[in-house]
C-alpha atoms as a PDB file:
ATOM      1  CA  UNK A   1       0.092   0.066   0.173  1.00  0.00           C
ATOM      2  CA  UNK A   2       1.015   3.600  -0.608  1.00  0.00           C
ATOM      3  CA  UNK A   3       0.953   4.506   3.112  1.00  0.00           C
ATOM      4  CA  UNK A   4       3.443   2.035   4.284  1.00  0.00           C
ATOM      5  CA  UNK A   5       7.452   1.046   4.036  1.00  0.00           C
ATOM      6  CA  UNK A   6       8.953  -2.390   4.691  1.00  0.00           C
ATOM      7  CA  UNK A   7       9.671  -2.782   8.124  1.00  0.00           C
ATOM      8  CA  UNK A   8      13.475  -4.265   8.366  1.00  0.00           C
ATOM      9  CA  UNK A   9      13.167  -5.778  11.649  1.00  0.00           C
ATOM     10  CA  UNK A  10       9.654  -7.458  10.895  1.00  0.00           C
ATOM     11  CA  UNK A  11      10.890  -8.662   7.439  1.00  0.00           C
ATOM     12  CA  UNK A  12      14.060 -10.032   8.676  1.00  0.00           C
ATOM     13  CA  UNK A  13      11.890 -12.147  11.536  1.00  0.00           C
ATOM     14  CA  UNK A  14       9.839 -13.478   8.706  1.00  0.00           C
ATOM     15  CA  UNK A  15      12.113 -14.466   6.045  1.00  0.00           C
ATOM     16  CA  UNK A  16      15.325 -14.941   8.087  1.00  0.00           C
ATOM     17  CA  UNK A  17      17.387 -12.333   6.045  1.00  0.00           C
ATOM     18  CA  UNK A  18      17.438  -8.668   5.298  1.00  0.00           C
ATOM     19  CA  UNK A  19      15.256  -7.515   2.505  1.00  0.00           C
ATOM     20  CA  UNK A  20      17.216  -5.723  -0.467  1.00  0.00           C
ATOM     21  CA  UNK A  21      16.407  -4.080  -3.602  1.00  0.00           C
ATOM     22  CA  UNK A  22      16.981  -6.017  -7.138  1.00  0.00           C
ATOM     23  CA  UNK A  23      19.223  -3.995  -9.381  1.00  0.00           C
ATOM     24  CA  UNK A  24      17.098  -2.303 -12.199  1.00  0.00           C
ATOM     25  CA  UNK A  25      19.029  -4.104 -14.891  1.00  0.00           C
ATOM     26  CA  UNK A  26      17.982  -7.835 -13.357  1.00  0.00           C
ATOM     27  CA  UNK A  27      14.192  -6.940 -12.465  1.00  0.00           C
ATOM     28  CA  UNK A  28      13.112  -7.732 -15.728  1.00  0.00           C
ATOM     29  CA  UNK A  29      14.941 -11.151 -15.843  1.00  0.00           C
ATOM     30  CA  UNK A  30      13.538 -12.251 -12.043  1.00  0.00           C
ATOM     31  CA  UNK A  31      10.026 -11.258 -12.373  1.00  0.00           C
ATOM     32  CA  UNK A  32       9.109 -11.149 -15.988  1.00  0.00           C
ATOM     33  CA  UNK A  33       8.422  -7.057 -15.640  1.00  0.00           C
ATOM     34  CA  UNK A  34       9.940  -3.988 -16.328  1.00  0.00           C
ATOM     35  CA  UNK A  35      11.367  -1.687 -13.668  1.00  0.00           C
ATOM     36  CA  UNK A  36       7.964   1.055 -12.517  1.00  0.00           C
ATOM     37  CA  UNK A  37       5.624  -2.404 -13.463  1.00  0.00           C
ATOM     38  CA  UNK A  38       6.417  -5.170 -11.613  1.00  0.00           C
ATOM     39  CA  UNK A  39       3.282  -6.468 -10.114  1.00  0.00           C
ATOM     40  CA  UNK A  40       2.365  -9.513  -8.219  1.00  0.00           C
ATOM     41  CA  UNK A  41       0.757 -11.438 -11.043  1.00  0.00           C
ATOM     42  CA  UNK A  42       1.774 -13.233 -14.072  1.00  0.00           C
ATOM     43  CA  UNK A  43       5.421 -13.725 -12.727  1.00  0.00           C
ATOM     44  CA  UNK A  44       8.001 -16.392 -13.428  1.00  0.00           C
ATOM     45  CA  UNK A  45       7.032 -19.434 -12.071  1.00  0.00           C
ATOM     46  CA  UNK A  46      10.007 -19.797  -9.697  1.00  0.00           C
ATOM     47  CA  UNK A  47       8.860 -16.449  -8.096  1.00  0.00           C
ATOM     48  CA  UNK A  48       7.031 -16.658  -4.936  1.00  0.00           C
ATOM     49  CA  UNK A  49       4.428 -13.485  -3.833  1.00  0.00           C
ATOM     50  CA  UNK A  50       3.933 -12.377  -0.540  1.00  0.00           C
ATOM     51  CA  UNK A  51       1.453 -10.038   0.326  1.00  0.00           C
ATOM     52  CA  UNK A  52       1.365  -7.649   3.345  1.00  0.00           C
ATOM     53  CA  UNK A  53      -1.554  -7.119   5.559  1.00  0.00           C
ATOM     54  CA  UNK A  54      -1.655  -3.707   5.100  1.00  0.00           C
ATOM     55  CA  UNK A  55      -3.550  -4.277   1.455  1.00  0.00           C
ATOM     56  CA  UNK A  56      -6.368  -5.582   3.582  1.00  0.00           C
ATOM     57  CA  UNK A  57      -7.299  -1.854   4.540  1.00  0.00           C
ATOM     58  CA  UNK A  58      -8.314  -0.991   1.142  1.00  0.00           C
ATOM     59  CA  UNK A  59     -11.067  -2.842  -1.129  1.00  0.00           C
ATOM     60  CA  UNK A  60      -9.623  -1.311  -4.556  1.00  0.00           C
ATOM     61  CA  UNK A  61      -5.940  -1.825  -5.188  1.00  0.00           C
ATOM     62  CA  UNK A  62      -3.944  -0.169  -7.916  1.00  0.00           C
ATOM     63  CA  UNK A  63      -1.080  -2.166  -8.952  1.00  0.00           C
ATOM     64  CA  UNK A  64       1.563  -2.089 -11.632  1.00  0.00           C
ATOM     65  CA  UNK A  65       0.746  -3.759 -14.636  1.00  0.00           C
ATOM     66  CA  UNK A  66       3.773  -5.030 -16.234  1.00  0.00           C
ATOM     67  CA  UNK A  67       5.555  -1.725 -17.534  1.00  0.00           C
ATOM     68  CA  UNK A  68       6.100   1.753 -16.208  1.00  0.00           C
ATOM     69  CA  UNK A  69       3.275   3.099 -18.113  1.00  0.00           C
ATOM     70  CA  UNK A  70       0.702   0.487 -17.083  1.00  0.00           C
ATOM     71  CA  UNK A  71      -1.857   0.545 -14.041  1.00  0.00           C
ATOM     72  CA  UNK A  72      -4.717  -1.760 -13.182  1.00  0.00           C
ATOM     73  CA  UNK A  73      -7.441  -1.071 -10.757  1.00  0.00           C
ATOM     74  CA  UNK A  74      -8.474  -4.298  -9.219  1.00  0.00           C
ATOM     75  CA  UNK A  75     -10.484  -5.447  -5.786  1.00  0.00           C
ATOM     76  CA  UNK A  76      -8.395  -6.434  -2.873  1.00  0.00           C
ATOM     77  CA  UNK A  77     -10.357 -10.048  -3.625  1.00  0.00           C
ATOM     78  CA  UNK A  78      -9.043  -9.931  -7.479  1.00  0.00           C
ATOM     79  CA  UNK A  79      -5.880  -9.387  -6.546  1.00  0.00           C
ATOM     80  CA  UNK A  80      -5.526 -12.053  -4.348  1.00  0.00           C
ATOM     81  CA  UNK A  81      -6.995 -14.518  -6.865  1.00  0.00           C
ATOM     82  CA  UNK A  82      -5.012 -13.472  -9.653  1.00  0.00           C
ATOM     83  CA  UNK A  83      -1.611 -12.862  -7.562  1.00  0.00           C
ATOM     84  CA  UNK A  84      -2.148 -16.570  -5.605  1.00  0.00           C
ATOM     85  CA  UNK A  85       0.195 -15.702  -2.737  1.00  0.00           C
ATOM     86  CA  UNK A  86       2.293 -17.759  -1.063  1.00  0.00           C
ATOM     87  CA  UNK A  87       1.357 -15.917   2.029  1.00  0.00           C
ATOM     88  CA  UNK A  88      -0.313 -12.950   3.806  1.00  0.00           C
ATOM     89  CA  UNK A  89       2.501 -11.269   5.802  1.00  0.00           C
ATOM     90  CA  UNK A  90       2.792  -8.677   8.087  1.00  0.00           C
ATOM     91  CA  UNK A  91       6.239  -7.045   7.410  1.00  0.00           C
ATOM     92  CA  UNK A  92       5.141  -2.988   6.345  1.00  0.00           C
ATOM     93  CA  UNK A  93       4.723  -0.154   9.139  1.00  0.00           C
ATOM     94  CA  UNK A  94       3.126   3.198   8.332  1.00  0.00           C
ATOM     95  CA  UNK A  95       5.138   5.914   6.941  1.00  0.00           C
ATOM     96  CA  UNK A  96       6.575   8.345   8.998  1.00  0.00           C
END
């Protein structure tokens, strides 16, 4: 969600390691999507999708849709259906 950010200690507690950003030149190869358009669906088979609990605060979500010039508006239920998350996680905190 746009009003939260990753909480590093929570992330490390859940995943067992610190989170890090993928280098921009590697994003397409890892995810199948361009920088600025990474979305939680139609990802490579070996990519696991996790959705943060903070997304449950909104009924309608706007997500990147494959490139930097596209968005898609979906209900939270549609996101869950299409993203097929491995798990819902709690790894974010409100932005200061």
